[in-house]
Structure formats: structure tokens, C-alpha cells
Amino acid sequence: MDISERRIVNISGTPQVGGYGLCAARAWPERRLGGEDDTDERVSRAITDLRDGNPDIRRDAAIDLGNMVNNSSDRQKAEKAVPALLSALKDDDADVRGDAARALGIIRGNTQKTVPAVVEALKDKDYRVRQSAAEALGRIGAQPQTAVPGLVAAIRDEDLASRGECD
């Protein structure tokens, strides 16, 4: 096997390439052998990739932003992506919306703008997005006056997967 075709696997067993999942490796051969980039560079690249035409690339960017938060310094750097992740909550692709909500919950930045947007995601038509939004609010430690009405509505959600995260 040519070394450029080798797939790198992270601890969880997910194929990873330079901080992105396998679909990014297919889209960007130059990232196939990339190691861990500087966090600032990864954040900048992910922000750009959240606007990519390929939903798999957008999803991988949101996932990477959530995965890169290992310490408070990385969290501060990742907070630069909050506006792009907030926009991704309105993406046409449900997987992108769900992964953006999840990343926002992990990053926990700019709660004044994040919490209302994630509460709004509790009303998403896709139950997986609603579930990710409920999880994100739990991680953020959301402002009760903003989050509780949305979470109460989520408890009444007919979809058990979403309701399971709230009761």
C-alpha cells in the first residue's frame, strides 16, 4: 500500500487524518499524512470548512472543533469558531446541525448567543439534532431562564431518543 493511501486511526478507532475524519482524507490528499496541526490553524481551517459545499466536510469540521478542546487554552482558541458553529445550526444537513450543537456544548463559549441558538435547535425537525441540542445545554450549564422552557418542551417530545436526554 502506498503510504499516501494509509488511513490513520485515532484511539476511538475512527479513521482520522490531520484532525479530520476519513471523508476529508478522500477530499484532501495533502492532509492524508498531516499530523496534529497548531490549534489556531485547525480552528481557522475548520471555520472555513464549515462553509464548504460538501456536507461531509462541514460535519467533519464541526466534529473536529468539538474534539480539539483538551484544555482551557484550546477551549479559548476554539471559541473563535462559535459564530461559524452557530451558523452551522441552520445548515441544510441534519448531521451538520447535530454535530455543530454538540461542538457548541463542548466549547461552551459565548453563552449569551449560544444558549438561545441551541434552545432553538431543540425544535429542529430531526430528532438527532434535538438530542444533540439537549446534551449541549447540559454541558454548557445553560442559563435556566433561557434553557428550561425549551427543555420542558423537549421532555414532551414524542421521540423517545430526544426525550431520553431530558428526563
Foldseek 3Di string as FASTA:
>chain_A
DPLLPDWPADPVRFTDFQLFGDVVCVVDSVRRNPDDDDLLVLLVVLLVQCPDPDVSSVLRSLQSLQVQCPDPVSLVSSLVSLVSLLVQCVDPDLSNNLSSLLSCLSSLPPLVPNLLSLLVQCPPPDLSNVQSSLVSCVSNVHDCVRRVVSLVVQCVDPDCSSVVSRD
